[in-house]
Amino acid sequence: MTREPDLGALLDRIGWTTGEAADRLGVAGATVRDWASERRRAPPTVIAWLAGVAAAVEACPAQPEGWSAPGPGRRPASLCS
């Protein structure tokens, strides 16, 4: 049996907070926090969508040489999120 990806790990790979994920999904922040803490199970469709977003973010090309990122571990929002 394949274990579904951890929602918190997916959000880390994407570079989103639970609040940012909630905004993008159109749900309450408490809902995503509950999913991330495993208090409630996230819908499989949400996990699959986030896994796709994470794969797309990881496939983004490297930043141009000398480009300053917006913060540690973050990618420019206009390119990858």
N, C-alpha and C. Protein backbone atom coordinates (compact mmCIF):
# COMPACT_ATOMS: atom_id res chain seq x y z
N MET A 1 0.84 -1.18 0.00
CA MET A 1 0.00 0.00 0.00
C MET A 1 0.89 1.25 0.00
N THR A 2 0.63 2.16 -0.90
CA THR A 2 1.41 3.39 -1.01
C THR A 2 0.89 4.43 -0.02
N ARG A 3 1.80 5.02 0.72
CA ARG A 3 1.43 6.05 1.69
C ARG A 3 1.31 7.38 0.96
N GLU A 4 0.24 8.11 1.22
CA GLU A 4 0.09 9.42 0.56
C GLU A 4 1.07 10.41 1.16
N PRO A 5 1.50 11.37 0.34
CA PRO A 5 2.48 12.35 0.83
C PRO A 5 1.93 13.15 2.02
N ASP A 6 2.82 13.55 2.89
CA ASP A 6 2.49 14.36 4.05
C ASP A 6 2.19 15.79 3.60
N LEU A 7 1.04 16.33 4.00
CA LEU A 7 0.64 17.67 3.58
C LEU A 7 1.66 18.72 4.00
N GLY A 8 2.15 18.63 5.21
CA GLY A 8 3.14 19.60 5.68
C GLY A 8 4.41 19.56 4.85
N ALA A 9 4.85 18.36 4.48
CA ALA A 9 6.05 18.23 3.65
C ALA A 9 5.80 18.81 2.26
N LEU A 10 4.60 18.61 1.73
CA LEU A 10 4.26 19.18 0.42
C LEU A 10 4.29 20.71 0.48
N LEU A 11 3.72 21.27 1.54
CA LEU A 11 3.72 22.73 1.67
C LEU A 11 5.16 23.26 1.78
N ASP A 12 6.01 22.53 2.50
CA ASP A 12 7.42 22.93 2.60
C ASP A 12 8.09 22.91 1.22
N ARG A 13 7.82 21.86 0.44
CA ARG A 13 8.42 21.75 -0.89
C ARG A 13 7.96 22.90 -1.79
N ILE A 14 6.71 23.31 -1.62
CA ILE A 14 6.15 24.39 -2.44
C ILE A 14 6.63 25.75 -1.94
N GLY A 15 6.81 25.86 -0.62
CA GLY A 15 7.19 27.14 -0.01
C GLY A 15 6.00 27.93 0.46
N TRP A 16 4.88 27.23 0.71
CA TRP A 16 3.67 27.89 1.19
C TRP A 16 3.47 27.63 2.67
N THR A 17 2.90 28.60 3.36
CA THR A 17 2.42 28.40 4.72
C THR A 17 1.04 27.77 4.64
N THR A 18 0.52 27.33 5.78
CA THR A 18 -0.84 26.79 5.77
C THR A 18 -1.83 27.89 5.39
N GLY A 19 -1.54 29.12 5.78
CA GLY A 19 -2.42 30.24 5.42
C GLY A 19 -2.44 30.50 3.92
N GLU A 20 -1.25 30.43 3.29
CA GLU A 20 -1.19 30.61 1.84
C GLU A 20 -1.93 29.50 1.12
N ALA A 21 -1.78 28.27 1.60
CA ALA A 21 -2.49 27.15 0.99
C ALA A 21 -4.00 27.33 1.14
N ALA A 22 -4.42 27.77 2.33
CA ALA A 22 -5.85 27.99 2.56
C ALA A 22 -6.41 29.04 1.60
N ASP A 23 -5.66 30.13 1.42
CA ASP A 23 -6.10 31.17 0.49
C ASP A 23 -6.24 30.63 -0.92
N ARG A 24 -5.26 29.85 -1.36
CA ARG A 24 -5.29 29.31 -2.73
C ARG A 24 -6.38 28.26 -2.92
N LEU A 25 -6.69 27.54 -1.85
CA LEU A 25 -7.73 26.51 -1.92
C LEU A 25 -9.13 27.05 -1.62
N GLY A 26 -9.19 28.26 -1.07
CA GLY A 26 -10.49 28.85 -0.74
C GLY A 26 -11.14 28.21 0.48
N VAL A 27 -10.31 27.79 1.43
CA VAL A 27 -10.83 27.20 2.66
C VAL A 27 -10.28 27.98 3.85
N ALA A 28 -10.84 27.73 5.01
CA ALA A 28 -10.38 28.39 6.23
C ALA A 28 -8.97 27.93 6.59
N GLY A 29 -8.19 28.84 7.16
CA GLY A 29 -6.85 28.49 7.61
C GLY A 29 -6.86 27.35 8.60
N ALA A 30 -7.86 27.31 9.47
CA ALA A 30 -7.95 26.23 10.46
C ALA A 30 -8.11 24.87 9.78
N THR A 31 -8.76 24.85 8.64
CA THR A 31 -8.93 23.59 7.91
C THR A 31 -7.59 23.04 7.47
N VAL A 32 -6.76 23.87 6.86
CA VAL A 32 -5.45 23.41 6.40
C VAL A 32 -4.56 23.09 7.59
N ARG A 33 -4.64 23.86 8.66
CA ARG A 33 -3.85 23.55 9.86
C ARG A 33 -4.26 22.18 10.42
N ASP A 34 -5.56 21.88 10.42
CA ASP A 34 -6.03 20.57 10.88
C ASP A 34 -5.50 19.45 9.98
N TRP A 35 -5.49 19.69 8.67
CA TRP A 35 -4.94 18.69 7.75
C TRP A 35 -3.45 18.50 8.00
N ALA A 36 -2.72 19.59 8.17
CA ALA A 36 -1.27 19.53 8.36
C ALA A 36 -0.90 18.84 9.66
N SER A 37 -1.72 19.02 10.69
CA SER A 37 -1.44 18.39 11.99
C SER A 37 -2.02 16.98 12.07
N GLU A 38 -2.69 16.55 10.99
CA GLU A 38 -3.34 15.24 10.90
C GLU A 38 -4.49 15.09 11.89
N ARG A 39 -5.00 16.23 12.36
CA ARG A 39 -6.20 16.19 13.20
C ARG A 39 -7.39 15.74 12.36
N ARG A 40 -7.38 16.18 11.09
CA ARG A 40 -8.37 15.74 10.09
C ARG A 40 -7.62 15.31 8.85
N ARG A 41 -8.18 14.35 8.14
CA ARG A 41 -7.54 13.85 6.92
C ARG A 41 -7.82 14.81 5.77
N ALA A 42 -6.77 15.20 5.07
CA ALA A 42 -6.92 16.05 3.89
C ALA A 42 -7.55 15.23 2.76
N PRO A 43 -8.43 15.82 1.97
CA PRO A 43 -9.01 15.09 0.84
C PRO A 43 -7.91 14.62 -0.12
N PRO A 44 -8.01 13.40 -0.62
CA PRO A 44 -7.00 12.88 -1.55
C PRO A 44 -6.80 13.78 -2.77
N THR A 45 -7.86 14.44 -3.22
CA THR A 45 -7.72 15.33 -4.38
C THR A 45 -6.85 16.53 -4.05
N VAL A 46 -6.91 17.00 -2.81
CA VAL A 46 -6.07 18.13 -2.39
C VAL A 46 -4.61 17.68 -2.32
N ILE A 47 -4.38 16.51 -1.75
CA ILE A 47 -3.02 15.98 -1.66
C ILE A 47 -2.44 15.80 -3.07
N ALA A 48 -3.22 15.24 -3.97
CA ALA A 48 -2.75 15.03 -5.35
C ALA A 48 -2.44 16.37 -6.03
N TRP A 49 -3.30 17.36 -5.81
CA TRP A 49 -3.08 18.68 -6.41
C TRP A 49 -1.80 19.32 -5.86
N LEU A 50 -1.63 19.26 -4.55
CA LEU A 50 -0.43 19.83 -3.94
C LEU A 50 0.83 19.09 -4.40
N ALA A 51 0.75 17.78 -4.58
CA ALA A 51 1.90 17.03 -5.09
C ALA A 51 2.26 17.51 -6.50
N GLY A 52 1.24 17.79 -7.32
CA GLY A 52 1.49 18.33 -8.65
C GLY A 52 2.10 19.71 -8.61
N VAL A 53 1.62 20.55 -7.70
CA VAL A 53 2.18 21.89 -7.56
C VAL A 53 3.64 21.78 -7.11
N ALA A 54 3.90 20.90 -6.14
CA ALA A 54 5.28 20.73 -5.66
C ALA A 54 6.20 20.27 -6.78
N ALA A 55 5.74 19.34 -7.60
CA ALA A 55 6.56 18.87 -8.72
C ALA A 55 6.83 20.01 -9.71
N ALA A 56 5.82 20.84 -9.96
CA ALA A 56 6.00 21.97 -10.88
C ALA A 56 6.99 22.98 -10.33
N VAL A 57 6.90 23.26 -9.03
CA VAL A 57 7.82 24.21 -8.40
C VAL A 57 9.25 23.68 -8.48
N GLU A 58 9.41 22.39 -8.21
CA GLU A 58 10.75 21.81 -8.24
C GLU A 58 11.32 21.75 -9.66
N ALA A 59 10.44 21.77 -10.65
CA ALA A 59 10.90 21.74 -12.05
C ALA A 59 11.22 23.13 -12.58
N CYS A 60 10.97 24.17 -11.79
CA CYS A 60 11.26 25.53 -12.24
C CYS A 60 12.75 25.67 -12.54
N PRO A 61 13.06 26.41 -13.58
CA PRO A 61 14.47 26.61 -13.89
C PRO A 61 15.17 27.41 -12.79
N ALA A 62 16.47 27.25 -12.75
CA ALA A 62 17.26 28.00 -11.78
C ALA A 62 17.12 29.50 -12.04
N GLN A 63 17.30 30.27 -11.01
CA GLN A 63 17.25 31.72 -11.16
C GLN A 63 18.44 32.21 -11.96
N PRO A 64 18.29 33.34 -12.63
CA PRO A 64 19.43 33.89 -13.36
C PRO A 64 20.60 34.18 -12.42
N GLU A 65 21.80 34.08 -12.94
CA GLU A 65 22.98 34.34 -12.13
C GLU A 65 22.92 35.75 -11.54
N GLY A 66 23.21 35.85 -10.25
CA GLY A 66 23.19 37.14 -9.57
C GLY A 66 21.81 37.56 -9.10
N TRP A 67 20.80 36.76 -9.37
CA TRP A 67 19.44 37.10 -8.97
C TRP A 67 19.29 36.88 -7.47
N SER A 68 18.65 37.79 -6.80
CA SER A 68 18.44 37.69 -5.36
C SER A 68 17.06 37.10 -5.10
N ALA A 69 17.02 35.98 -4.42
CA ALA A 69 15.75 35.33 -4.08
C ALA A 69 15.03 36.15 -3.01
N PRO A 70 13.70 36.02 -2.93
CA PRO A 70 12.93 36.77 -1.95
C PRO A 70 13.13 36.31 -0.50
N GLY A 71 13.80 35.21 -0.28
CA GLY A 71 14.05 34.73 1.07
C GLY A 71 14.58 33.31 1.03
N PRO A 72 15.11 32.83 2.15
CA PRO A 72 15.66 31.47 2.18
C PRO A 72 14.61 30.43 1.78
N GLY A 73 14.96 29.60 0.82
CA GLY A 73 14.07 28.51 0.43
C GLY A 73 12.85 28.95 -0.38
N ARG A 74 12.76 30.21 -0.71
CA ARG A 74 11.60 30.71 -1.46
C ARG A 74 11.98 30.94 -2.91
N ARG A 75 11.02 30.77 -3.80
CA ARG A 75 11.22 31.02 -5.21
C ARG A 75 10.38 32.23 -5.59
N PRO A 76 10.76 32.94 -6.63
CA PRO A 76 9.97 34.11 -7.04
C PRO A 76 8.53 33.70 -7.33
N ALA A 77 7.59 34.38 -6.71
CA ALA A 77 6.19 34.02 -6.87
C ALA A 77 5.72 34.08 -8.31
N SER A 78 6.24 35.01 -9.09
CA SER A 78 5.80 35.15 -10.47
C SER A 78 6.22 33.97 -11.33
N LEU A 79 7.24 33.23 -10.90
CA LEU A 79 7.72 32.10 -11.70
C LEU A 79 7.19 30.76 -11.25
N CYS A 80 7.07 30.56 -9.97
CA CYS A 80 6.86 29.20 -9.48
C CYS A 80 5.73 29.00 -8.49
N SER A 81 4.88 29.93 -8.33
CA SER A 81 3.79 29.67 -7.38
C SER A 81 2.52 30.34 -7.84
